[in-house]
PDB file of all heavy atoms in Angstrom:
ATOM      1  N   GLY A   1     -12.445 -17.940 -18.503  1.00  0.00           N
ATOM      2  CA  GLY A   1     -11.769 -16.645 -18.254  1.00  0.00           C
ATOM      3  C   GLY A   1     -10.467 -16.727 -17.493  1.00  0.00           C
ATOM      4  O   GLY A   1      -9.875 -15.718 -17.126  1.00  0.00           O
ATOM      5  N   PHE A   2     -10.054 -17.966 -17.181  1.00  0.00           N
ATOM      6  CA  PHE A   2      -8.800 -18.205 -16.498  1.00  0.00           C
ATOM      7  C   PHE A   2      -7.675 -18.578 -17.471  1.00  0.00           C
ATOM      8  O   PHE A   2      -7.964 -19.062 -18.583  1.00  0.00           O
ATOM      9  CB  PHE A   2      -8.935 -19.302 -15.454  1.00  0.00           C
ATOM     10  CG  PHE A   2      -9.615 -18.906 -14.196  1.00  0.00           C
ATOM     11  CD1 PHE A   2     -10.713 -18.045 -14.200  1.00  0.00           C
ATOM     12  CD2 PHE A   2      -9.204 -19.401 -12.968  1.00  0.00           C
ATOM     13  CE1 PHE A   2     -11.352 -17.668 -13.036  1.00  0.00           C
ATOM     14  CE2 PHE A   2      -9.794 -19.002 -11.772  1.00  0.00           C
ATOM     15  CZ  PHE A   2     -10.867 -18.163 -11.795  1.00  0.00           C
ATOM     16  N   ASP A   3      -6.418 -18.419 -17.074  1.00  0.00           N
ATOM     17  CA  ASP A   3      -5.277 -18.847 -17.880  1.00  0.00           C
ATOM     18  C   ASP A   3      -4.303 -19.452 -16.877  1.00  0.00           C
ATOM     19  O   ASP A   3      -3.460 -18.776 -16.310  1.00  0.00           O
ATOM     20  CB  ASP A   3      -4.663 -17.614 -18.584  1.00  0.00           C
ATOM     21  CG  ASP A   3      -3.531 -18.033 -19.513  1.00  0.00           C
ATOM     22  OD1 ASP A   3      -3.159 -19.220 -19.527  1.00  0.00           O
ATOM     23  OD2 ASP A   3      -2.937 -17.114 -20.196  1.00  0.00           O
ATOM     24  N   VAL A   4      -4.423 -20.795 -16.650  1.00  0.00           N
ATOM     25  CA  VAL A   4      -3.748 -21.383 -15.506  1.00  0.00           C
ATOM     26  C   VAL A   4      -2.790 -22.488 -15.939  1.00  0.00           C
ATOM     27  O   VAL A   4      -2.942 -23.077 -16.971  1.00  0.00           O
ATOM     28  CB  VAL A   4      -4.748 -21.988 -14.480  1.00  0.00           C
ATOM     29  CG1 VAL A   4      -5.657 -20.886 -13.944  1.00  0.00           C
ATOM     30  CG2 VAL A   4      -5.618 -23.073 -15.144  1.00  0.00           C
ATOM     31  N   HIS A   5      -1.774 -22.654 -15.115  1.00  0.00           N
ATOM     32  CA  HIS A   5      -0.770 -23.680 -15.403  1.00  0.00           C
ATOM     33  C   HIS A   5      -1.310 -25.085 -15.025  1.00  0.00           C
ATOM     34  O   HIS A   5      -1.909 -25.256 -13.958  1.00  0.00           O
ATOM     35  CB  HIS A   5       0.503 -23.434 -14.600  1.00  0.00           C
ATOM     36  CG  HIS A   5       1.632 -24.402 -14.877  1.00  0.00           C
ATOM     37  ND1 HIS A   5       1.665 -25.669 -14.291  1.00  0.00           N
ATOM     38  CD2 HIS A   5       2.690 -24.310 -15.700  1.00  0.00           C
ATOM     39  CE1 HIS A   5       2.778 -26.275 -14.742  1.00  0.00           C
ATOM     40  NE2 HIS A   5       3.420 -25.470 -15.578  1.00  0.00           N
ATOM     41  N   ASN A   6      -1.098 -25.986 -15.910  1.00  0.00           N
ATOM     42  CA  ASN A   6      -1.571 -27.413 -15.619  1.00  0.00           C
ATOM     43  C   ASN A   6      -0.308 -28.185 -15.332  1.00  0.00           C
ATOM     44  O   ASN A   6       0.620 -28.213 -16.157  1.00  0.00           O
ATOM     45  CB  ASN A   6      -2.291 -27.944 -16.903  1.00  0.00           C
ATOM     46  CG  ASN A   6      -2.636 -29.361 -16.720  1.00  0.00           C
ATOM     47  OD1 ASN A   6      -3.118 -29.787 -15.651  1.00  0.00           O
ATOM     48  ND2 ASN A   6      -2.504 -30.192 -17.765  1.00  0.00           N
ATOM     49  N   PRO A   7      -0.162 -28.808 -14.130  1.00  0.00           N
ATOM     50  CA  PRO A   7      -1.226 -29.035 -13.111  1.00  0.00           C
ATOM     51  C   PRO A   7      -1.082 -28.177 -11.821  1.00  0.00           C
ATOM     52  O   PRO A   7      -1.712 -28.498 -10.839  1.00  0.00           O
ATOM     53  CB  PRO A   7      -0.978 -30.490 -12.773  1.00  0.00           C
ATOM     54  CG  PRO A   7       0.546 -30.580 -12.812  1.00  0.00           C
ATOM     55  CD  PRO A   7       1.030 -29.676 -13.883  1.00  0.00           C
ATOM     56  N   VAL A   8      -0.242 -27.131 -11.808  1.00  0.00           N
ATOM     57  CA  VAL A   8       0.064 -26.386 -10.590  1.00  0.00           C
ATOM     58  C   VAL A   8      -1.253 -25.818  -9.991  1.00  0.00           C
ATOM     59  O   VAL A   8      -1.524 -25.913  -8.818  1.00  0.00           O
ATOM     60  CB  VAL A   8       1.097 -25.291 -10.805  1.00  0.00           C
ATOM     61  CG1 VAL A   8       1.226 -24.395  -9.580  1.00  0.00           C
ATOM     62  CG2 VAL A   8       2.463 -25.937 -11.127  1.00  0.00           C
ATOM     63  N   PHE A   9      -2.055 -25.170 -10.874  1.00  0.00           N
ATOM     64  CA  PHE A   9      -3.317 -24.508 -10.366  1.00  0.00           C
ATOM     65  C   PHE A   9      -4.244 -25.554  -9.771  1.00  0.00           C
ATOM     66  O   PHE A   9      -4.717 -25.419  -8.666  1.00  0.00           O
ATOM     67  CB  PHE A   9      -4.005 -23.738 -11.476  1.00  0.00           C
ATOM     68  CG  PHE A   9      -5.248 -23.090 -11.061  1.00  0.00           C
ATOM     69  CD1 PHE A   9      -5.246 -21.784 -10.609  1.00  0.00           C
ATOM     70  CD2 PHE A   9      -6.492 -23.726 -11.113  1.00  0.00           C
ATOM     71  CE1 PHE A   9      -6.424 -21.143 -10.220  1.00  0.00           C
ATOM     72  CE2 PHE A   9      -7.667 -23.173 -10.699  1.00  0.00           C
ATOM     73  CZ  PHE A   9      -7.627 -21.858 -10.278  1.00  0.00           C
ATOM     74  N   GLY A  10      -4.486 -26.680 -10.502  1.00  0.00           N
ATOM     75  CA  GLY A  10      -5.458 -27.662 -10.073  1.00  0.00           C
ATOM     76  C   GLY A  10      -5.050 -28.337  -8.818  1.00  0.00           C
ATOM     77  O   GLY A  10      -5.891 -28.498  -7.877  1.00  0.00           O
ATOM     78  N   ILE A  11      -3.792 -28.714  -8.675  1.00  0.00           N
ATOM     79  CA  ILE A  11      -3.358 -29.422  -7.461  1.00  0.00           C
ATOM     80  C   ILE A  11      -3.375 -28.470  -6.287  1.00  0.00           C
ATOM     81  O   ILE A  11      -3.742 -28.811  -5.190  1.00  0.00           O
ATOM     82  CB  ILE A  11      -1.945 -30.038  -7.671  1.00  0.00           C
ATOM     83  CG1 ILE A  11      -2.029 -31.137  -8.740  1.00  0.00           C
ATOM     84  CG2 ILE A  11      -1.400 -30.572  -6.386  1.00  0.00           C
ATOM     85  CD1 ILE A  11      -0.703 -31.818  -9.052  1.00  0.00           C
ATOM     86  N   SER A  12      -2.849 -27.236  -6.485  1.00  0.00           N
ATOM     87  CA  SER A  12      -2.923 -26.224  -5.426  1.00  0.00           C
ATOM     88  C   SER A  12      -4.278 -25.961  -4.886  1.00  0.00           C
ATOM     89  O   SER A  12      -4.529 -26.027  -3.673  1.00  0.00           O
ATOM     90  CB  SER A  12      -2.283 -24.942  -5.887  1.00  0.00           C
ATOM     91  OG  SER A  12      -0.919 -25.112  -6.278  1.00  0.00           O
ATOM     92  N   ALA A  13      -5.229 -25.756  -5.811  1.00  0.00           N
ATOM     93  CA  ALA A  13      -6.613 -25.463  -5.434  1.00  0.00           C
ATOM     94  C   ALA A  13      -7.209 -26.712  -4.696  1.00  0.00           C
ATOM     95  O   ALA A  13      -7.926 -26.545  -3.719  1.00  0.00           O
ATOM     96  CB  ALA A  13      -7.457 -25.113  -6.647  1.00  0.00           C
ATOM     97  N   GLY A  14      -6.896 -27.915  -5.217  1.00  0.00           N
ATOM     98  CA  GLY A  14      -7.388 -29.125  -4.573  1.00  0.00           C
ATOM     99  C   GLY A  14      -6.865 -29.315  -3.144  1.00  0.00           C
ATOM    100  O   GLY A  14      -7.662 -29.681  -2.243  1.00  0.00           O
ATOM    101  N   LEU A  15      -5.591 -29.082  -2.971  1.00  0.00           N
ATOM    102  CA  LEU A  15      -5.039 -29.225  -1.608  1.00  0.00           C
ATOM    103  C   LEU A  15      -5.584 -28.185  -0.646  1.00  0.00           C
ATOM    104  O   LEU A  15      -5.822 -28.426   0.513  1.00  0.00           O
ATOM    105  CB  LEU A  15      -3.506 -29.118  -1.704  1.00  0.00           C
ATOM    106  CG  LEU A  15      -2.795 -30.284  -2.367  1.00  0.00           C
ATOM    107  CD1 LEU A  15      -1.287 -29.996  -2.541  1.00  0.00           C
ATOM    108  CD2 LEU A  15      -2.952 -31.573  -1.558  1.00  0.00           C
ATOM    109  N   ILE A  16      -5.839 -27.008  -1.159  1.00  0.00           N
ATOM    110  CA  ILE A  16      -6.409 -25.925  -0.336  1.00  0.00           C
ATOM    111  C   ILE A  16      -7.874 -26.307   0.078  1.00  0.00           C
ATOM    112  O   ILE A  16      -8.252 -26.170   1.227  1.00  0.00           O
ATOM    113  CB  ILE A  16      -6.435 -24.566  -1.054  1.00  0.00           C
ATOM    114  CG1 ILE A  16      -4.982 -24.076  -1.219  1.00  0.00           C
ATOM    115  CG2 ILE A  16      -7.326 -23.568  -0.331  1.00  0.00           C
ATOM    116  CD1 ILE A  16      -4.854 -22.966  -2.267  1.00  0.00           C
ATOM    117  N   LEU A  17      -8.600 -26.891  -0.853  1.00  0.00           N
ATOM    118  CA  LEU A  17      -9.977 -27.357  -0.523  1.00  0.00           C
ATOM    119  C   LEU A  17      -9.924 -28.488   0.519  1.00  0.00           C
ATOM    120  O   LEU A  17     -10.708 -28.515   1.485  1.00  0.00           O
ATOM    121  CB  LEU A  17     -10.632 -27.884  -1.789  1.00  0.00           C
ATOM    122  CG  LEU A  17     -12.076 -28.446  -1.609  1.00  0.00           C
ATOM    123  CD1 LEU A  17     -13.010 -27.366  -1.047  1.00  0.00           C
ATOM    124  CD2 LEU A  17     -12.632 -29.003  -2.953  1.00  0.00           C
ATOM    125  N   LEU A  18      -8.981 -29.399   0.348  1.00  0.00           N
ATOM    126  CA  LEU A  18      -8.869 -30.515   1.355  1.00  0.00           C
ATOM    127  C   LEU A  18      -8.498 -29.934   2.742  1.00  0.00           C
ATOM    128  O   LEU A  18      -9.022 -30.393   3.796  1.00  0.00           O
ATOM    129  CB  LEU A  18      -7.744 -31.486   0.940  1.00  0.00           C
ATOM    130  CG  LEU A  18      -8.084 -32.463  -0.193  1.00  0.00           C
ATOM    131  CD1 LEU A  18      -6.885 -33.284  -0.589  1.00  0.00           C
ATOM    132  CD2 LEU A  18      -9.227 -33.373   0.267  1.00  0.00           C
ATOM    133  N   PHE A  19      -7.622 -28.915   2.751  1.00  0.00           N
ATOM    134  CA  PHE A  19      -7.261 -28.256   4.033  1.00  0.00           C
ATOM    135  C   PHE A  19      -8.494 -27.663   4.657  1.00  0.00           C
ATOM    136  O   PHE A  19      -8.689 -27.776   5.881  1.00  0.00           O
ATOM    137  CB  PHE A  19      -6.199 -27.227   3.781  1.00  0.00           C
ATOM    138  CG  PHE A  19      -5.889 -26.426   5.024  1.00  0.00           C
ATOM    139  CD1 PHE A  19      -5.040 -26.889   5.965  1.00  0.00           C
ATOM    140  CD2 PHE A  19      -6.484 -25.191   5.233  1.00  0.00           C
ATOM    141  CE1 PHE A  19      -4.803 -26.171   7.150  1.00  0.00           C
ATOM    142  CE2 PHE A  19      -6.292 -24.420   6.366  1.00  0.00           C
ATOM    143  CZ  PHE A  19      -5.399 -24.932   7.345  1.00  0.00           C
ATOM    144  N   LEU A  20      -9.316 -26.937   3.889  1.00  0.00           N
ATOM    145  CA  LEU A  20     -10.473 -26.353   4.472  1.00  0.00           C
ATOM    146  C   LEU A  20     -11.444 -27.379   5.040  1.00  0.00           C
ATOM    147  O   LEU A  20     -12.060 -27.198   6.127  1.00  0.00           O
ATOM    148  CB  LEU A  20     -11.229 -25.526   3.411  1.00  0.00           C
ATOM    149  CG  LEU A  20     -10.569 -24.154   3.093  1.00  0.00           C
ATOM    150  CD1 LEU A  20     -11.229 -23.481   1.909  1.00  0.00           C
ATOM    151  CD2 LEU A  20     -10.608 -23.219   4.290  1.00  0.00           C
ATOM    152  N   LEU A  21     -11.662 -28.463   4.336  1.00  0.00           N
ATOM    153  CA  LEU A  21     -12.501 -29.535   4.798  1.00  0.00           C
ATOM    154  C   LEU A  21     -11.935 -30.145   6.155  1.00  0.00           C
ATOM    155  O   LEU A  21     -12.714 -30.395   7.043  1.00  0.00           O
ATOM    156  CB  LEU A  21     -12.604 -30.649   3.774  1.00  0.00           C
ATOM    157  CG  LEU A  21     -13.421 -30.274   2.507  1.00  0.00           C
ATOM    158  CD1 LEU A  21     -13.340 -31.396   1.472  1.00  0.00           C
ATOM    159  CD2 LEU A  21     -14.859 -30.014   2.872  1.00  0.00           C
ATOM    160  N   ALA A  22     -10.616 -30.304   6.156  1.00  0.00           N
ATOM    161  CA  ALA A  22      -9.983 -30.854   7.383  1.00  0.00           C
ATOM    162  C   ALA A  22     -10.190 -29.849   8.536  1.00  0.00           C
ATOM    163  O   ALA A  22     -10.432 -30.245   9.669  1.00  0.00           O
ATOM    164  CB  ALA A  22      -8.511 -31.036   7.146  1.00  0.00           C
ATOM    165  N   ALA A  23     -10.064 -28.539   8.248  1.00  0.00           N
ATOM    166  CA  ALA A  23     -10.282 -27.519   9.306  1.00  0.00           C
ATOM    167  C   ALA A  23     -11.679 -27.582   9.852  1.00  0.00           C
ATOM    168  O   ALA A  23     -11.889 -27.315  11.032  1.00  0.00           O
ATOM    169  CB  ALA A  23      -9.974 -26.155   8.711  1.00  0.00           C
ATOM    170  N   ILE A  24     -12.674 -27.884   8.965  1.00  0.00           N
ATOM    171  CA  ILE A  24     -14.040 -27.917   9.441  1.00  0.00           C
ATOM    172  C   ILE A  24     -14.350 -29.137  10.310  1.00  0.00           C
ATOM    173  O   ILE A  24     -14.992 -29.060  11.345  1.00  0.00           O
ATOM    174  CB  ILE A  24     -14.989 -27.921   8.256  1.00  0.00           C
ATOM    175  CG1 ILE A  24     -14.921 -26.560   7.527  1.00  0.00           C
ATOM    176  CG2 ILE A  24     -16.448 -28.214   8.691  1.00  0.00           C
ATOM    177  CD1 ILE A  24     -15.628 -26.543   6.184  1.00  0.00           C
ATOM    178  N   PHE A  25     -13.719 -30.289   9.950  1.00  0.00           N
ATOM    179  CA  PHE A  25     -14.089 -31.536  10.638  1.00  0.00           C
ATOM    180  C   PHE A  25     -13.137 -31.969  11.713  1.00  0.00           C
ATOM    181  O   PHE A  25     -13.482 -32.778  12.579  1.00  0.00           O
ATOM    182  CB  PHE A  25     -14.234 -32.662   9.574  1.00  0.00           C
ATOM    183  CG  PHE A  25     -15.369 -32.485   8.666  1.00  0.00           C
ATOM    184  CD1 PHE A  25     -15.163 -32.141   7.283  1.00  0.00           C
ATOM    185  CD2 PHE A  25     -16.684 -32.628   9.113  1.00  0.00           C
ATOM    186  CE1 PHE A  25     -16.195 -31.953   6.436  1.00  0.00           C
ATOM    187  CE2 PHE A  25     -17.741 -32.450   8.229  1.00  0.00           C
ATOM    188  CZ  PHE A  25     -17.508 -32.096   6.891  1.00  0.00           C
ATOM    189  N   LEU A  26     -11.893 -31.450  11.746  1.00  0.00           N
ATOM    190  CA  LEU A  26     -10.945 -31.823  12.763  1.00  0.00           C
ATOM    191  C   LEU A  26     -11.042 -30.868  13.953  1.00  0.00           C
ATOM    192  O   LEU A  26     -11.382 -29.668  13.800  1.00  0.00           O
ATOM    193  CB  LEU A  26      -9.491 -31.811  12.207  1.00  0.00           C
ATOM    194  CG  LEU A  26      -9.196 -32.876  11.118  1.00  0.00           C
ATOM    195  CD1 LEU A  26      -7.758 -32.700  10.675  1.00  0.00           C
ATOM    196  CD2 LEU A  26      -9.436 -34.270  11.677  1.00  0.00           C
ATOM    197  N   ASP A  27     -10.720 -31.376  15.128  1.00  0.00           N
ATOM    198  CA  ASP A  27     -10.793 -30.530  16.374  1.00  0.00           C
ATOM    199  C   ASP A  27      -9.572 -29.545  16.271  1.00  0.00           C
ATOM    200  O   ASP A  27      -8.457 -29.949  16.184  1.00  0.00           O
ATOM    201  CB  ASP A  27     -10.638 -31.409  17.553  1.00  0.00           C
ATOM    202  CG  ASP A  27     -10.589 -30.595  18.838  1.00  0.00           C
ATOM    203  OD1 ASP A  27     -11.716 -30.180  19.307  1.00  0.00           O
ATOM    204  OD2 ASP A  27      -9.526 -30.293  19.359  1.00  0.00           O
ATOM    205  N   PRO A  28      -9.924 -28.209  16.318  1.00  0.00           N
ATOM    206  CA  PRO A  28      -8.800 -27.257  16.168  1.00  0.00           C
ATOM    207  C   PRO A  28      -7.744 -27.296  17.269  1.00  0.00           C
ATOM    208  O   PRO A  28      -6.607 -27.099  17.037  1.00  0.00           O
ATOM    209  CB  PRO A  28      -9.522 -25.882  16.215  1.00  0.00           C
ATOM    210  CG  PRO A  28     -10.852 -26.169  16.774  1.00  0.00           C
ATOM    211  CD  PRO A  28     -11.193 -27.566  16.379  1.00  0.00           C
ATOM    212  N   HIS A  29      -8.140 -27.675  18.477  1.00  0.00           N
ATOM    213  CA  HIS A  29      -7.222 -27.726  19.623  1.00  0.00           C
ATOM    214  C   HIS A  29      -6.219 -28.907  19.394  1.00  0.00           C
ATOM    215  O   HIS A  29      -5.019 -28.744  19.543  1.00  0.00           O
ATOM    216  CB  HIS A  29      -7.938 -27.941  20.914  1.00  0.00           C
ATOM    217  CG  HIS A  29      -7.008 -28.100  22.122  1.00  0.00           C
ATOM    218  ND1 HIS A  29      -6.257 -27.059  22.610  1.00  0.00           N
ATOM    219  CD2 HIS A  29      -6.714 -29.205  22.826  1.00  0.00           C
ATOM    220  CE1 HIS A  29      -5.530 -27.504  23.600  1.00  0.00           C
ATOM    221  NE2 HIS A  29      -5.833 -28.799  23.771  1.00  0.00           N
ATOM    222  N   GLU A  30      -6.798 -30.029  18.964  1.00  0.00           N
ATOM    223  CA  GLU A  30      -5.942 -31.193  18.744  1.00  0.00           C
ATOM    224  C   GLU A  30      -5.001 -30.961  17.568  1.00  0.00           C
ATOM    225  O   GLU A  30      -3.837 -31.359  17.560  1.00  0.00           O
ATOM    226  CB  GLU A  30      -6.789 -32.442  18.514  1.00  0.00           C
ATOM    227  CG  GLU A  30      -7.520 -32.921  19.753  1.00  0.00           C
ATOM    228  CD  GLU A  30      -8.319 -34.218  19.482  1.00  0.00           C
ATOM    229  OE1 GLU A  30      -8.259 -34.677  18.355  1.00  0.00           O
ATOM    230  OE2 GLU A  30      -8.969 -34.675  20.425  1.00  0.00           O
ATOM    231  N   THR A  31      -5.545 -30.282  16.542  1.00  0.00           N
ATOM    232  CA  THR A  31      -4.707 -29.999  15.350  1.00  0.00           C
ATOM    233  C   THR A  31      -3.583 -29.044  15.727  1.00  0.00           C
ATOM    234  O   THR A  31      -2.446 -29.267  15.312  1.00  0.00           O
ATOM    235  CB  THR A  31      -5.599 -29.398  14.258  1.00  0.00           C
ATOM    236  OG1 THR A  31      -6.709 -30.272  13.937  1.00  0.00           O
ATOM    237  CG2 THR A  31      -4.780 -29.108  12.969  1.00  0.00           C
ATOM    238  N   LYS A  32      -3.944 -28.015  16.421  1.00  0.00           N
ATOM    239  CA  LYS A  32      -2.881 -27.073  16.911  1.00  0.00           C
ATOM    240  C   LYS A  32      -1.850 -27.762  17.729  1.00  0.00           C
ATOM    241  O   LYS A  32      -0.647 -27.519  17.553  1.00  0.00           O
ATOM    242  CB  LYS A  32      -3.538 -25.891  17.682  1.00  0.00           C
ATOM    243  CG  LYS A  32      -2.565 -24.914  18.228  1.00  0.00           C
ATOM    244  CD  LYS A  32      -3.190 -23.831  19.025  1.00  0.00           C
ATOM    245  CE  LYS A  32      -2.157 -22.819  19.628  1.00  0.00           C
ATOM    246  NZ  LYS A  32      -1.226 -23.470  20.557  1.00  0.00           N
ATOM    247  N   THR A  33      -2.243 -28.609  18.653  1.00  0.00           N
ATOM    248  CA  THR A  33      -1.290 -29.299  19.498  1.00  0.00           C
ATOM    249  C   THR A  33      -0.352 -30.173  18.671  1.00  0.00           C
ATOM    250  O   THR A  33       0.887 -30.160  18.925  1.00  0.00           O
ATOM    251  CB  THR A  33      -2.019 -30.194  20.527  1.00  0.00           C
ATOM    252  OG1 THR A  33      -2.918 -29.383  21.299  1.00  0.00           O
ATOM    253  CG2 THR A  33      -1.067 -30.934  21.404  1.00  0.00           C
ATOM    254  N   ALA A  34      -0.921 -30.913  17.715  1.00  0.00           N
ATOM    255  CA  ALA A  34      -0.087 -31.783  16.840  1.00  0.00           C
ATOM    256  C   ALA A  34       0.897 -30.971  16.008  1.00  0.00           C
ATOM    257  O   ALA A  34       2.096 -31.267  15.913  1.00  0.00           O
ATOM    258  CB  ALA A  34      -0.968 -32.621  15.982  1.00  0.00           C
ATOM    259  N   LEU A  35       0.379 -29.926  15.365  1.00  0.00           N
ATOM    260  CA  LEU A  35       1.275 -29.100  14.504  1.00  0.00           C
ATOM    261  C   LEU A  35       2.274 -28.300  15.304  1.00  0.00           C
ATOM    262  O   LEU A  35       3.406 -28.098  14.869  1.00  0.00           O
ATOM    263  CB  LEU A  35       0.425 -28.146  13.672  1.00  0.00           C
ATOM    264  CG  LEU A  35      -0.431 -28.798  12.564  1.00  0.00           C
ATOM    265  CD1 LEU A  35      -1.313 -27.796  11.859  1.00  0.00           C
ATOM    266  CD2 LEU A  35       0.509 -29.494  11.506  1.00  0.00           C
ATOM    267  N   ASP A  36       1.906 -27.855  16.481  1.00  0.00           N
ATOM    268  CA  ASP A  36       2.871 -27.190  17.400  1.00  0.00           C
ATOM    269  C   ASP A  36       4.013 -28.135  17.743  1.00  0.00           C
ATOM    270  O   ASP A  36       5.160 -27.719  17.835  1.00  0.00           O
ATOM    271  CB  ASP A  36       2.180 -26.666  18.693  1.00  0.00           C
ATOM    272  CG  ASP A  36       1.684 -25.233  18.545  1.00  0.00           C
ATOM    273  OD1 ASP A  36       2.188 -24.613  17.579  1.00  0.00           O
ATOM    274  OD2 ASP A  36       0.919 -24.829  19.341  1.00  0.00           O
ATOM    275  N   GLY A  37       3.620 -29.403  18.030  1.00  0.00           N
ATOM    276  CA  GLY A  37       4.657 -30.405  18.331  1.00  0.00           C
ATOM    277  C   GLY A  37       5.660 -30.591  17.194  1.00  0.00           C
ATOM    278  O   GLY A  37       6.851 -30.630  17.450  1.00  0.00           O
ATOM    279  N   ILE A  38       5.154 -30.652  15.987  1.00  0.00           N
ATOM    280  CA  ILE A  38       6.034 -30.780  14.819  1.00  0.00           C
ATOM    281  C   ILE A  38       6.932 -29.520  14.678  1.00  0.00           C
ATOM    282  O   ILE A  38       8.115 -29.598  14.471  1.00  0.00           O
ATOM    283  CB  ILE A  38       5.207 -30.974  13.547  1.00  0.00           C
ATOM    284  CG1 ILE A  38       4.441 -32.271  13.578  1.00  0.00           C
ATOM    285  CG2 ILE A  38       6.085 -30.923  12.309  1.00  0.00           C
ATOM    286  CD1 ILE A  38       3.419 -32.487  12.483  1.00  0.00           C
TER     287      ILE A  38
END
């Protein structure tokens, strides 16, 4: 039922999933500190 661009949809969805996994397993304070520094 989808009509998606290959590979934009797949890579975007995959990177979003990786981000969510990182958010679950990484310490949010340390992540915020590092990204704030950048």
